[in-house]
Amino acid sequence: MKAVVCDSSSIITLSSNCLLWVFDKFDAEFLIPNYVKKEIVDNPLKTKRFAFEAMRNSMAINKSLKVVETNKELLNKIIELSNKLLSHKGRTIEIIQYGEADALALAIEKGLKTLLVDEKNTRLMIEDKERLRKVIEKRTGKSIEIDTDVSRDLEKMLKGMKVIRSSELLAIAIKRNIIDWPFPKREILKSVLTSAKYSGCAVSSEEIHQIIDAIEPHS
């Protein structure tokens, strides 16, 4: 059985759309570290706004999601490196927080290569550091530099890591008729992926159209 490490962002997207049940339909084990559990259950349970969603998430623990301990030294190393990657005039810029770093630590420690994450910074840090630099530069309006030594160290740690988003997971679920509603498949794809986008999944409208055309091309 394959194992996939999940970050908080992807779980929140699925939970917001009442789609956590999709995990159970895949022949895979979905793992989360303790910091992710804190972000999706422990912390939001203390709030009025997110307590109900936290309850939904907690029901998935040990059913759809398995909590796994991670190496704290590795976690801290990832935090340290990631948040030294980019800087403006010598001042470093925070790229990821403990939830994302703990998910990466879990994947690295267990030798797993698939990470389910909707958060843009983490995905680009793994896939395209130069694009991440440009995104942060545009977002902040400041000139941003990449630390090449840190970039090289991260490249070694994250070698072979593959990122998928909830949008891709849901697209596969629709393609396999796991999500099989009495509507045209293109409309299901459009509605589900758009809802994921507005629930926090960093997927563009252009990417949504590309996914739709790839899975259900016009006849």
N, C-alpha and C. Protein backbone atom coordinates (compact mmCIF):
# COMPACT_ATOMS: atom_id res chain seq x y z
N MET A 1 0.84 -1.20 0.00
CA MET A 1 0.00 0.00 0.00
C MET A 1 0.87 1.25 0.00
N LYS A 2 0.56 2.18 -0.85
CA LYS A 2 1.28 3.44 -0.90
C LYS A 2 0.97 4.28 0.33
N ALA A 3 1.90 5.16 0.67
CA ALA A 3 1.68 6.08 1.78
C ALA A 3 1.87 7.51 1.29
N VAL A 4 0.98 8.38 1.70
CA VAL A 4 1.00 9.79 1.32
C VAL A 4 1.02 10.62 2.60
N VAL A 5 1.94 11.58 2.67
CA VAL A 5 1.99 12.49 3.81
C VAL A 5 1.14 13.72 3.51
N CYS A 6 0.29 14.11 4.45
CA CYS A 6 -0.64 15.23 4.23
C CYS A 6 -0.27 16.43 5.09
N ASP A 7 -0.38 17.59 4.49
CA ASP A 7 -0.24 18.85 5.21
C ASP A 7 -1.63 19.34 5.62
N SER A 8 -1.68 20.27 6.57
CA SER A 8 -2.95 20.80 7.04
C SER A 8 -3.78 21.42 5.92
N SER A 9 -3.12 22.12 5.00
CA SER A 9 -3.84 22.88 3.98
C SER A 9 -4.76 22.00 3.14
N SER A 10 -4.27 20.83 2.73
CA SER A 10 -5.08 19.95 1.88
C SER A 10 -6.24 19.35 2.66
N ILE A 11 -6.00 19.00 3.92
CA ILE A 11 -7.07 18.43 4.75
C ILE A 11 -8.16 19.46 4.99
N ILE A 12 -7.76 20.71 5.24
CA ILE A 12 -8.74 21.78 5.46
C ILE A 12 -9.59 22.01 4.22
N THR A 13 -8.95 21.96 3.04
CA THR A 13 -9.71 22.12 1.79
C THR A 13 -10.77 21.04 1.67
N LEU A 14 -10.37 19.79 1.88
CA LEU A 14 -11.31 18.68 1.75
C LEU A 14 -12.38 18.74 2.83
N SER A 15 -11.99 19.05 4.05
CA SER A 15 -12.94 19.12 5.16
C SER A 15 -13.97 20.22 4.93
N SER A 16 -13.51 21.36 4.42
CA SER A 16 -14.42 22.49 4.17
C SER A 16 -15.51 22.13 3.17
N ASN A 17 -15.20 21.17 2.29
CA ASN A 17 -16.15 20.74 1.27
C ASN A 17 -16.79 19.39 1.59
N CYS A 18 -16.64 18.95 2.85
CA CYS A 18 -17.22 17.67 3.29
C CYS A 18 -16.78 16.51 2.41
N LEU A 19 -15.49 16.50 2.07
CA LEU A 19 -14.96 15.48 1.16
C LEU A 19 -13.84 14.65 1.79
N LEU A 20 -13.73 14.64 3.10
CA LEU A 20 -12.71 13.82 3.73
C LEU A 20 -12.91 12.32 3.45
N TRP A 21 -14.14 11.93 3.18
CA TRP A 21 -14.45 10.53 2.91
C TRP A 21 -13.72 10.00 1.67
N VAL A 22 -13.27 10.92 0.81
CA VAL A 22 -12.56 10.52 -0.41
C VAL A 22 -11.28 9.75 -0.06
N PHE A 23 -10.63 10.10 1.05
CA PHE A 23 -9.42 9.38 1.46
C PHE A 23 -9.65 7.88 1.53
N ASP A 24 -10.82 7.49 2.03
CA ASP A 24 -11.10 6.06 2.25
C ASP A 24 -11.23 5.27 0.95
N LYS A 25 -11.41 5.97 -0.16
CA LYS A 25 -11.65 5.30 -1.44
C LYS A 25 -10.38 5.01 -2.22
N PHE A 26 -9.24 5.46 -1.67
CA PHE A 26 -7.97 5.22 -2.35
C PHE A 26 -7.19 4.10 -1.66
N ASP A 27 -6.48 3.33 -2.45
CA ASP A 27 -5.64 2.26 -1.92
C ASP A 27 -4.31 2.86 -1.48
N ALA A 28 -4.39 3.67 -0.42
CA ALA A 28 -3.21 4.36 0.09
C ALA A 28 -3.41 4.66 1.56
N GLU A 29 -2.31 4.85 2.26
CA GLU A 29 -2.34 5.24 3.66
C GLU A 29 -1.99 6.71 3.73
N PHE A 30 -2.83 7.50 4.39
CA PHE A 30 -2.61 8.94 4.48
C PHE A 30 -2.12 9.27 5.89
N LEU A 31 -0.91 9.82 5.96
CA LEU A 31 -0.24 10.05 7.23
C LEU A 31 -0.15 11.54 7.53
N ILE A 32 -0.25 11.88 8.81
CA ILE A 32 -0.03 13.26 9.25
C ILE A 32 0.87 13.26 10.48
N PRO A 33 1.71 14.30 10.63
CA PRO A 33 2.52 14.43 11.85
C PRO A 33 1.72 15.17 12.93
N ASN A 34 2.30 15.26 14.11
CA ASN A 34 1.60 15.86 15.24
C ASN A 34 1.26 17.33 15.03
N TYR A 35 2.16 18.08 14.40
CA TYR A 35 1.88 19.51 14.21
C TYR A 35 0.68 19.72 13.29
N VAL A 36 0.51 18.84 12.32
CA VAL A 36 -0.66 18.93 11.45
C VAL A 36 -1.93 18.62 12.25
N LYS A 37 -1.86 17.62 13.10
CA LYS A 37 -3.01 17.32 13.96
C LYS A 37 -3.37 18.53 14.82
N LYS A 38 -2.36 19.20 15.35
CA LYS A 38 -2.63 20.40 16.15
C LYS A 38 -3.35 21.47 15.33
N GLU A 39 -2.95 21.60 14.07
CA GLU A 39 -3.52 22.65 13.22
C GLU A 39 -4.93 22.33 12.75
N ILE A 40 -5.24 21.05 12.58
CA ILE A 40 -6.57 20.71 12.05
C ILE A 40 -7.56 20.28 13.12
N VAL A 41 -7.06 19.94 14.33
CA VAL A 41 -7.97 19.48 15.39
C VAL A 41 -7.77 20.26 16.69
N ASP A 42 -6.60 20.13 17.29
CA ASP A 42 -6.39 20.64 18.65
C ASP A 42 -6.62 22.15 18.77
N ASN A 43 -5.98 22.93 17.90
CA ASN A 43 -6.11 24.39 17.99
C ASN A 43 -7.50 24.90 17.59
N PRO A 44 -8.05 24.48 16.45
CA PRO A 44 -9.38 24.98 16.07
C PRO A 44 -10.51 24.54 16.99
N LEU A 45 -10.32 23.44 17.72
CA LEU A 45 -11.35 23.01 18.68
C LEU A 45 -11.58 24.06 19.77
N LYS A 46 -10.60 24.92 19.98
CA LYS A 46 -10.70 25.94 21.02
C LYS A 46 -11.39 27.21 20.52
N THR A 47 -11.79 27.24 19.25
CA THR A 47 -12.41 28.44 18.68
C THR A 47 -13.88 28.18 18.38
N LYS A 48 -14.66 29.24 18.36
CA LYS A 48 -16.08 29.11 18.01
C LYS A 48 -16.25 28.90 16.51
N ARG A 49 -15.46 29.62 15.73
CA ARG A 49 -15.65 29.60 14.27
C ARG A 49 -15.29 28.26 13.65
N PHE A 50 -14.22 27.62 14.14
CA PHE A 50 -13.71 26.43 13.46
C PHE A 50 -13.89 25.14 14.26
N ALA A 51 -14.58 25.21 15.40
CA ALA A 51 -14.72 24.01 16.24
C ALA A 51 -15.44 22.87 15.51
N PHE A 52 -16.48 23.19 14.75
CA PHE A 52 -17.23 22.14 14.06
C PHE A 52 -16.36 21.44 13.01
N GLU A 53 -15.60 22.23 12.27
CA GLU A 53 -14.70 21.63 11.27
C GLU A 53 -13.65 20.78 11.96
N ALA A 54 -13.15 21.24 13.12
CA ALA A 54 -12.17 20.46 13.87
C ALA A 54 -12.76 19.12 14.32
N MET A 55 -14.02 19.13 14.70
CA MET A 55 -14.69 17.88 15.09
C MET A 55 -14.76 16.92 13.90
N ARG A 56 -15.09 17.45 12.73
CA ARG A 56 -15.12 16.62 11.52
C ARG A 56 -13.74 16.02 11.27
N ASN A 57 -12.72 16.87 11.41
CA ASN A 57 -11.36 16.39 11.17
C ASN A 57 -10.96 15.32 12.18
N SER A 58 -11.37 15.53 13.43
CA SER A 58 -10.99 14.56 14.47
C SER A 58 -11.60 13.19 14.21
N MET A 59 -12.78 13.17 13.56
CA MET A 59 -13.42 11.89 13.24
C MET A 59 -12.63 11.10 12.19
N ALA A 60 -11.79 11.83 11.43
CA ALA A 60 -10.99 11.17 10.39
C ALA A 60 -9.69 10.59 10.95
N ILE A 61 -9.28 11.08 12.14
CA ILE A 61 -8.05 10.58 12.75
C ILE A 61 -8.22 9.10 13.11
N ASN A 62 -7.22 8.31 12.75
CA ASN A 62 -7.20 6.86 12.98
C ASN A 62 -8.22 6.10 12.12
N LYS A 63 -8.92 6.81 11.27
CA LYS A 63 -9.82 6.16 10.31
C LYS A 63 -9.27 6.40 8.91
N SER A 64 -9.31 7.65 8.49
CA SER A 64 -8.76 8.00 7.18
C SER A 64 -7.33 8.50 7.29
N LEU A 65 -6.98 9.06 8.46
CA LEU A 65 -5.67 9.66 8.66
C LEU A 65 -4.96 9.02 9.85
N LYS A 66 -3.68 8.74 9.67
CA LYS A 66 -2.89 8.14 10.75
C LYS A 66 -1.85 9.14 11.23
N VAL A 67 -1.83 9.39 12.54
CA VAL A 67 -0.86 10.32 13.13
C VAL A 67 0.44 9.57 13.41
N VAL A 68 1.55 10.16 12.96
CA VAL A 68 2.86 9.52 13.11
C VAL A 68 3.84 10.51 13.74
N GLU A 69 4.61 10.03 14.72
CA GLU A 69 5.64 10.86 15.36
C GLU A 69 6.76 11.17 14.37
N THR A 70 7.37 12.33 14.54
CA THR A 70 8.48 12.72 13.66
C THR A 70 9.72 13.04 14.47
N ASN A 71 10.82 13.15 13.75
CA ASN A 71 12.11 13.50 14.34
C ASN A 71 12.18 15.02 14.52
N LYS A 72 12.24 15.47 15.77
CA LYS A 72 12.21 16.91 16.05
C LYS A 72 13.45 17.64 15.54
N GLU A 73 14.59 16.96 15.58
CA GLU A 73 15.81 17.59 15.06
C GLU A 73 15.68 17.84 13.56
N LEU A 74 15.13 16.87 12.86
CA LEU A 74 14.92 17.03 11.42
C LEU A 74 13.90 18.13 11.15
N LEU A 75 12.82 18.16 11.94
CA LEU A 75 11.81 19.21 11.82
C LEU A 75 12.45 20.59 11.96
N ASN A 76 13.26 20.77 13.00
CA ASN A 76 13.89 22.08 13.23
C ASN A 76 14.89 22.43 12.14
N LYS A 77 15.57 21.42 11.59
CA LYS A 77 16.50 21.66 10.50
C LYS A 77 15.76 22.16 9.25
N ILE A 78 14.61 21.57 8.98
CA ILE A 78 13.81 21.99 7.82
C ILE A 78 13.32 23.42 8.01
N ILE A 79 12.83 23.74 9.21
CA ILE A 79 12.38 25.10 9.51
C ILE A 79 13.53 26.09 9.31
N GLU A 80 14.69 25.74 9.85
CA GLU A 80 15.85 26.63 9.78
C GLU A 80 16.26 26.89 8.32
N LEU A 81 16.39 25.82 7.55
CA LEU A 81 16.81 25.97 6.15
C LEU A 81 15.76 26.70 5.32
N SER A 82 14.51 26.27 5.43
CA SER A 82 13.45 26.83 4.60
C SER A 82 13.31 28.34 4.80
N ASN A 83 13.43 28.76 6.04
CA ASN A 83 13.21 30.17 6.34
C ASN A 83 14.49 31.01 6.24
N LYS A 84 15.55 30.38 5.69
CA LYS A 84 16.75 31.11 5.32
C LYS A 84 16.91 31.17 3.80
N LEU A 85 16.01 30.49 3.09
CA LEU A 85 16.14 30.38 1.63
C LEU A 85 16.06 31.72 0.94
N LEU A 86 15.11 32.56 1.35
CA LEU A 86 14.89 33.85 0.69
C LEU A 86 15.17 34.99 1.66
N SER A 87 15.66 36.08 1.11
CA SER A 87 15.93 37.25 1.95
C SER A 87 15.79 38.54 1.15
N HIS A 88 15.60 39.62 1.88
CA HIS A 88 15.56 40.97 1.30
C HIS A 88 16.54 41.83 2.07
N LYS A 89 17.59 42.27 1.40
CA LYS A 89 18.63 43.10 2.02
C LYS A 89 19.16 42.47 3.31
N GLY A 90 19.38 41.16 3.25
CA GLY A 90 19.97 40.44 4.37
C GLY A 90 18.97 39.96 5.41
N ARG A 91 17.72 40.37 5.29
CA ARG A 91 16.70 39.94 6.25
C ARG A 91 15.94 38.75 5.67
N THR A 92 15.96 37.63 6.38
CA THR A 92 15.33 36.42 5.88
C THR A 92 13.81 36.53 5.92
N ILE A 93 13.15 35.75 5.08
CA ILE A 93 11.69 35.77 4.94
C ILE A 93 11.13 34.40 5.31
N GLU A 94 10.13 34.40 6.17
CA GLU A 94 9.52 33.13 6.58
C GLU A 94 8.74 32.54 5.41
N ILE A 95 9.06 31.30 5.07
CA ILE A 95 8.42 30.62 3.96
C ILE A 95 7.41 29.59 4.45
N ILE A 96 7.81 28.79 5.44
CA ILE A 96 6.91 27.76 5.95
C ILE A 96 6.84 27.81 7.47
N GLN A 97 5.80 27.18 8.02
CA GLN A 97 5.62 27.10 9.46
C GLN A 97 5.76 25.64 9.89
N TYR A 98 5.48 25.39 11.17
CA TYR A 98 5.78 24.07 11.72
C TYR A 98 4.94 22.94 11.13
N GLY A 99 3.70 23.22 10.75
CA GLY A 99 2.88 22.16 10.18
C GLY A 99 3.46 21.63 8.88
N GLU A 100 3.80 22.55 7.97
CA GLU A 100 4.38 22.14 6.69
C GLU A 100 5.74 21.45 6.89
N ALA A 101 6.55 22.04 7.79
CA ALA A 101 7.88 21.47 8.05
C ALA A 101 7.78 20.08 8.66
N ASP A 102 6.80 19.87 9.54
CA ASP A 102 6.63 18.56 10.16
C ASP A 102 6.19 17.52 9.13
N ALA A 103 5.36 17.94 8.18
CA ALA A 103 4.95 17.03 7.11
C ALA A 103 6.16 16.64 6.26
N LEU A 104 7.01 17.61 5.95
CA LEU A 104 8.23 17.31 5.19
C LEU A 104 9.16 16.38 5.99
N ALA A 105 9.27 16.65 7.29
CA ALA A 105 10.13 15.81 8.13
C ALA A 105 9.63 14.37 8.15
N LEU A 106 8.33 14.20 8.22
CA LEU A 106 7.74 12.86 8.22
C LEU A 106 8.04 12.14 6.91
N ALA A 107 7.85 12.85 5.80
CA ALA A 107 8.10 12.24 4.49
C ALA A 107 9.57 11.84 4.35
N ILE A 108 10.47 12.74 4.76
CA ILE A 108 11.90 12.46 4.62
C ILE A 108 12.31 11.29 5.52
N GLU A 109 11.86 11.33 6.78
CA GLU A 109 12.23 10.30 7.74
C GLU A 109 11.76 8.91 7.32
N LYS A 110 10.56 8.84 6.75
CA LYS A 110 9.99 7.54 6.35
C LYS A 110 10.34 7.16 4.92
N GLY A 111 11.09 8.02 4.23
CA GLY A 111 11.48 7.72 2.86
C GLY A 111 10.31 7.77 1.89
N LEU A 112 9.31 8.60 2.19
CA LEU A 112 8.12 8.72 1.35
C LEU A 112 8.29 9.88 0.37
N LYS A 113 7.76 9.71 -0.81
CA LYS A 113 8.01 10.68 -1.87
C LYS A 113 6.79 11.47 -2.33
N THR A 114 5.63 11.21 -1.72
CA THR A 114 4.42 11.92 -2.14
C THR A 114 3.88 12.74 -0.99
N LEU A 115 3.72 14.04 -1.26
CA LEU A 115 3.24 14.98 -0.25
C LEU A 115 1.97 15.65 -0.78
N LEU A 116 0.90 15.56 0.00
CA LEU A 116 -0.36 16.21 -0.35
C LEU A 116 -0.39 17.56 0.35
N VAL A 117 -0.28 18.63 -0.41
CA VAL A 117 -0.22 19.97 0.17
C VAL A 117 -0.85 20.99 -0.79
N ASP A 118 -1.70 21.84 -0.26
CA ASP A 118 -2.34 22.88 -1.06
C ASP A 118 -1.64 24.22 -0.92
N GLU A 119 -0.81 24.38 0.09
CA GLU A 119 -0.16 25.66 0.38
C GLU A 119 0.90 25.94 -0.67
N LYS A 120 0.87 27.13 -1.24
CA LYS A 120 1.68 27.45 -2.41
C LYS A 120 3.18 27.52 -2.11
N ASN A 121 3.55 28.18 -1.01
CA ASN A 121 4.98 28.36 -0.71
C ASN A 121 5.71 27.03 -0.59
N THR A 122 5.10 26.10 0.15
CA THR A 122 5.74 24.80 0.35
C THR A 122 5.91 24.06 -0.98
N ARG A 123 4.85 24.09 -1.78
CA ARG A 123 4.91 23.39 -3.08
C ARG A 123 6.00 23.98 -3.97
N LEU A 124 6.07 25.30 -4.05
CA LEU A 124 7.07 25.93 -4.91
C LEU A 124 8.48 25.78 -4.36
N MET A 125 8.61 25.73 -3.04
CA MET A 125 9.92 25.50 -2.46
C MET A 125 10.48 24.15 -2.90
N ILE A 126 9.60 23.17 -3.06
CA ILE A 126 10.00 21.84 -3.51
C ILE A 126 10.18 21.79 -5.02
N GLU A 127 9.25 22.40 -5.75
CA GLU A 127 9.21 22.23 -7.21
C GLU A 127 9.98 23.29 -7.99
N ASP A 128 9.93 24.55 -7.54
CA ASP A 128 10.47 25.63 -8.36
C ASP A 128 10.83 26.83 -7.48
N LYS A 129 12.04 26.82 -6.95
CA LYS A 129 12.46 27.87 -6.02
C LYS A 129 12.55 29.24 -6.68
N GLU A 130 12.92 29.28 -7.95
CA GLU A 130 12.99 30.57 -8.65
C GLU A 130 11.60 31.17 -8.81
N ARG A 131 10.63 30.34 -9.11
CA ARG A 131 9.26 30.84 -9.21
C ARG A 131 8.77 31.32 -7.85
N LEU A 132 9.14 30.60 -6.79
CA LEU A 132 8.78 31.04 -5.44
C LEU A 132 9.38 32.42 -5.17
N ARG A 133 10.63 32.61 -5.55
CA ARG A 133 11.27 33.92 -5.37
C ARG A 133 10.46 35.02 -6.05
N LYS A 134 10.03 34.76 -7.29
CA LYS A 134 9.27 35.76 -8.04
C LYS A 134 7.90 36.02 -7.42
N VAL A 135 7.27 34.96 -6.92
CA VAL A 135 5.97 35.11 -6.26
C VAL A 135 6.09 35.99 -5.02
N ILE A 136 7.10 35.72 -4.19
CA ILE A 136 7.30 36.52 -2.97
C ILE A 136 7.69 37.95 -3.34
N GLU A 137 8.47 38.10 -4.37
CA GLU A 137 8.88 39.42 -4.83
C GLU A 137 7.67 40.24 -5.27
N LYS A 138 6.78 39.61 -6.02
CA LYS A 138 5.57 40.29 -6.47
C LYS A 138 4.64 40.59 -5.30
N ARG A 139 4.55 39.65 -4.36
CA ARG A 139 3.66 39.81 -3.21
C ARG A 139 4.11 40.94 -2.29
N THR A 140 5.43 41.05 -2.11
CA THR A 140 5.96 42.03 -1.16
C THR A 140 6.37 43.36 -1.80
N GLY A 141 6.59 43.34 -3.12
CA GLY A 141 7.08 44.54 -3.79
C GLY A 141 8.54 44.83 -3.48
N LYS A 142 9.26 43.81 -3.01
CA LYS A 142 10.66 43.98 -2.64
C LYS A 142 11.54 43.05 -3.48
N SER A 143 12.80 43.44 -3.65
CA SER A 143 13.74 42.57 -4.36
C SER A 143 14.12 41.41 -3.43
N ILE A 144 14.03 40.20 -3.94
CA ILE A 144 14.25 39.01 -3.13
C ILE A 144 15.42 38.21 -3.70
N GLU A 145 16.27 37.72 -2.81
CA GLU A 145 17.41 36.90 -3.22
C GLU A 145 17.28 35.48 -2.68
N ILE A 146 17.84 34.53 -3.43
CA ILE A 146 17.89 33.13 -3.00
C ILE A 146 19.28 32.82 -2.47
N ASP A 147 19.34 32.20 -1.31
CA ASP A 147 20.61 31.72 -0.77
C ASP A 147 20.95 30.40 -1.48
N THR A 148 21.95 30.42 -2.32
CA THR A 148 22.26 29.24 -3.15
C THR A 148 22.73 28.05 -2.32
N ASP A 149 23.44 28.30 -1.21
CA ASP A 149 23.88 27.20 -0.35
C ASP A 149 22.68 26.52 0.30
N VAL A 150 21.75 27.33 0.81
CA VAL A 150 20.54 26.77 1.42
C VAL A 150 19.72 26.03 0.37
N SER A 151 19.62 26.62 -0.82
CA SER A 151 18.86 25.99 -1.90
C SER A 151 19.43 24.61 -2.22
N ARG A 152 20.75 24.50 -2.25
CA ARG A 152 21.42 23.23 -2.55
C ARG A 152 21.14 22.21 -1.44
N ASP A 153 21.19 22.65 -0.19
CA ASP A 153 20.92 21.75 0.94
C ASP A 153 19.47 21.24 0.90
N LEU A 154 18.54 22.14 0.60
CA LEU A 154 17.13 21.74 0.51
C LEU A 154 16.92 20.77 -0.65
N GLU A 155 17.63 21.02 -1.74
CA GLU A 155 17.50 20.16 -2.91
C GLU A 155 17.89 18.72 -2.56
N LYS A 156 18.94 18.57 -1.77
CA LYS A 156 19.38 17.24 -1.35
C LYS A 156 18.35 16.58 -0.44
N MET A 157 17.80 17.35 0.50
CA MET A 157 16.84 16.80 1.46
C MET A 157 15.54 16.39 0.79
N LEU A 158 15.12 17.18 -0.21
CA LEU A 158 13.80 16.99 -0.81
C LEU A 158 13.87 16.29 -2.17
N LYS A 159 14.99 15.71 -2.49
CA LYS A 159 15.17 15.08 -3.80
C LYS A 159 14.12 13.99 -4.03
N GLY A 160 13.47 14.06 -5.18
CA GLY A 160 12.49 13.05 -5.55
C GLY A 160 11.11 13.27 -4.96
N MET A 161 10.94 14.33 -4.17
CA MET A 161 9.65 14.59 -3.54
C MET A 161 8.64 15.04 -4.60
N LYS A 162 7.46 14.42 -4.59
CA LYS A 162 6.40 14.77 -5.53
C LYS A 162 5.24 15.39 -4.76
N VAL A 163 4.79 16.54 -5.24
CA VAL A 163 3.70 17.25 -4.59
C VAL A 163 2.41 17.06 -5.37
N ILE A 164 1.34 16.72 -4.66
CA ILE A 164 0.01 16.76 -5.27
C ILE A 164 -0.87 17.66 -4.40
N ARG A 165 -1.86 18.27 -5.03
CA ARG A 165 -2.80 19.13 -4.31
C ARG A 165 -4.13 18.41 -4.19
N SER A 166 -4.99 18.93 -3.34
CA SER A 166 -6.33 18.35 -3.22
C SER A 166 -7.05 18.39 -4.57
N SER A 167 -6.74 19.39 -5.39
CA SER A 167 -7.37 19.49 -6.71
C SER A 167 -7.05 18.27 -7.56
N GLU A 168 -5.79 17.82 -7.53
CA GLU A 168 -5.41 16.62 -8.29
C GLU A 168 -6.06 15.37 -7.69
N LEU A 169 -6.08 15.29 -6.37
CA LEU A 169 -6.70 14.14 -5.71
C LEU A 169 -8.18 14.05 -6.07
N LEU A 170 -8.85 15.18 -6.05
CA LEU A 170 -10.29 15.20 -6.36
C LEU A 170 -10.53 14.91 -7.84
N ALA A 171 -9.65 15.40 -8.70
CA ALA A 171 -9.79 15.12 -10.13
C ALA A 171 -9.67 13.62 -10.40
N ILE A 172 -8.74 12.96 -9.71
CA ILE A 172 -8.59 11.51 -9.85
C ILE A 172 -9.85 10.80 -9.34
N ALA A 173 -10.37 11.30 -8.21
CA ALA A 173 -11.59 10.70 -7.64
C ALA A 173 -12.77 10.80 -8.60
N ILE A 174 -12.85 11.91 -9.31
CA ILE A 174 -13.93 12.08 -10.29
C ILE A 174 -13.67 11.19 -11.51
N LYS A 175 -12.43 11.14 -11.96
CA LYS A 175 -12.09 10.31 -13.11
C LYS A 175 -12.41 8.85 -12.86
N ARG A 176 -12.17 8.40 -11.62
CA ARG A 176 -12.42 6.99 -11.26
C ARG A 176 -13.86 6.75 -10.82
N ASN A 177 -14.69 7.77 -10.92
CA ASN A 177 -16.10 7.68 -10.52
C ASN A 177 -16.27 7.43 -9.01
N ILE A 178 -15.27 7.82 -8.24
CA ILE A 178 -15.43 7.80 -6.78
C ILE A 178 -16.43 8.89 -6.39
N ILE A 179 -16.26 10.05 -6.99
CA ILE A 179 -17.29 11.09 -6.91
C ILE A 179 -18.13 10.93 -8.17
N ASP A 180 -19.28 10.33 -8.02
CA ASP A 180 -20.11 9.96 -9.17
C ASP A 180 -21.52 10.49 -8.96
N TRP A 181 -21.70 11.74 -9.29
CA TRP A 181 -22.99 12.40 -9.09
C TRP A 181 -23.75 12.47 -10.41
N PRO A 182 -25.07 12.61 -10.37
CA PRO A 182 -25.88 12.62 -11.61
C PRO A 182 -25.83 13.95 -12.35
N PHE A 183 -24.61 14.36 -12.71
CA PHE A 183 -24.39 15.58 -13.48
C PHE A 183 -23.31 15.30 -14.51
N PRO A 184 -23.23 16.09 -15.58
CA PRO A 184 -22.15 15.90 -16.55
C PRO A 184 -20.79 15.99 -15.86
N LYS A 185 -19.87 15.12 -16.25
CA LYS A 185 -18.59 15.04 -15.56
C LYS A 185 -17.82 16.36 -15.62
N ARG A 186 -17.89 17.05 -16.76
CA ARG A 186 -17.19 18.34 -16.86
C ARG A 186 -17.73 19.32 -15.83
N GLU A 187 -19.04 19.29 -15.59
CA GLU A 187 -19.63 20.21 -14.62
C GLU A 187 -19.24 19.83 -13.20
N ILE A 188 -19.15 18.53 -12.93
CA ILE A 188 -18.70 18.09 -11.60
C ILE A 188 -17.27 18.54 -11.37
N LEU A 189 -16.42 18.32 -12.36
CA LEU A 189 -15.02 18.74 -12.25
C LEU A 189 -14.92 20.24 -12.00
N LYS A 190 -15.64 21.01 -12.78
CA LYS A 190 -15.57 22.46 -12.64
C LYS A 190 -16.03 22.92 -11.27
N SER A 191 -17.14 22.38 -10.80
CA SER A 191 -17.69 22.82 -9.52
C SER A 191 -16.82 22.38 -8.35
N VAL A 192 -16.36 21.13 -8.37
CA VAL A 192 -15.55 20.62 -7.26
C VAL A 192 -14.20 21.33 -7.20
N LEU A 193 -13.54 21.49 -8.34
CA LEU A 193 -12.23 22.12 -8.36
C LEU A 193 -12.31 23.61 -8.03
N THR A 194 -13.36 24.25 -8.48
CA THR A 194 -13.54 25.67 -8.14
C THR A 194 -13.80 25.84 -6.65
N SER A 195 -14.58 24.95 -6.09
CA SER A 195 -14.83 25.00 -4.65
C SER A 195 -13.54 24.76 -3.87
N ALA A 196 -12.70 23.84 -4.34
CA ALA A 196 -11.41 23.60 -3.69
C ALA A 196 -10.54 24.85 -3.76
N LYS A 197 -10.55 25.50 -4.90
CA LYS A 197 -9.77 26.74 -5.08
C LYS A 197 -10.17 27.79 -4.05
N TYR A 198 -11.47 27.98 -3.88
CA TYR A 198 -11.93 29.01 -2.95
C TYR A 198 -11.93 28.55 -1.50
N SER A 199 -11.53 27.30 -1.27
CA SER A 199 -11.37 26.80 0.10
C SER A 199 -9.92 26.76 0.53
N GLY A 200 -9.02 27.25 -0.35
CA GLY A 200 -7.62 27.35 0.04
C GLY A 200 -6.62 26.63 -0.82
N CYS A 201 -7.09 25.81 -1.78
CA CYS A 201 -6.17 25.11 -2.66
C CYS A 201 -5.56 26.08 -3.67
N ALA A 202 -4.24 26.13 -3.72
CA ALA A 202 -3.55 27.05 -4.63
C ALA A 202 -3.54 26.48 -6.04
N VAL A 203 -4.70 26.55 -6.69
CA VAL A 203 -4.83 26.10 -8.08
C VAL A 203 -5.47 27.24 -8.86
N SER A 204 -4.91 27.58 -10.00
CA SER A 204 -5.42 28.70 -10.79
C SER A 204 -6.61 28.28 -11.64
N SER A 205 -7.35 29.26 -12.10
CA SER A 205 -8.49 28.98 -13.00
C SER A 205 -8.00 28.32 -14.28
N GLU A 206 -6.84 28.74 -14.78
CA GLU A 206 -6.27 28.14 -15.98
C GLU A 206 -5.95 26.67 -15.74
N GLU A 207 -5.38 26.36 -14.58
CA GLU A 207 -5.06 24.97 -14.26
C GLU A 207 -6.33 24.13 -14.15
N ILE A 208 -7.39 24.71 -13.60
CA ILE A 208 -8.66 24.00 -13.50
C ILE A 208 -9.16 23.62 -14.89
N HIS A 209 -9.11 24.56 -15.82
CA HIS A 209 -9.55 24.27 -17.19
C HIS A 209 -8.68 23.18 -17.82
N GLN A 210 -7.38 23.21 -17.55
CA GLN A 210 -6.48 22.20 -18.11
C GLN A 210 -6.80 20.82 -17.55
N ILE A 211 -7.08 20.75 -16.25
CA ILE A 211 -7.43 19.47 -15.62
C ILE A 211 -8.73 18.93 -16.22
N ILE A 212 -9.72 19.81 -16.37
CA ILE A 212 -11.02 19.40 -16.93
C ILE A 212 -10.84 18.84 -18.33
N ASP A 213 -10.08 19.56 -19.17
CA ASP A 213 -9.89 19.12 -20.55
C ASP A 213 -9.09 17.82 -20.63
N ALA A 214 -8.17 17.62 -19.67
CA ALA A 214 -7.37 16.40 -19.68
C ALA A 214 -8.20 15.18 -19.29
N ILE A 215 -9.13 15.35 -18.36
CA ILE A 215 -9.92 14.23 -17.86
C ILE A 215 -11.17 14.00 -18.68
N GLU A 216 -11.82 15.09 -19.07
CA GLU A 216 -13.08 14.98 -19.81
C GLU A 216 -13.07 15.97 -20.98
N PRO A 217 -12.33 15.64 -22.05
CA PRO A 217 -12.24 16.56 -23.18
C PRO A 217 -13.60 16.74 -23.88
N HIS A 218 -13.73 17.88 -24.55
CA HIS A 218 -14.96 18.13 -25.30
C HIS A 218 -15.13 17.06 -26.37
N SER A 219 -16.35 16.60 -26.55
CA SER A 219 -16.60 15.58 -27.58
C SER A 219 -16.70 16.23 -28.95
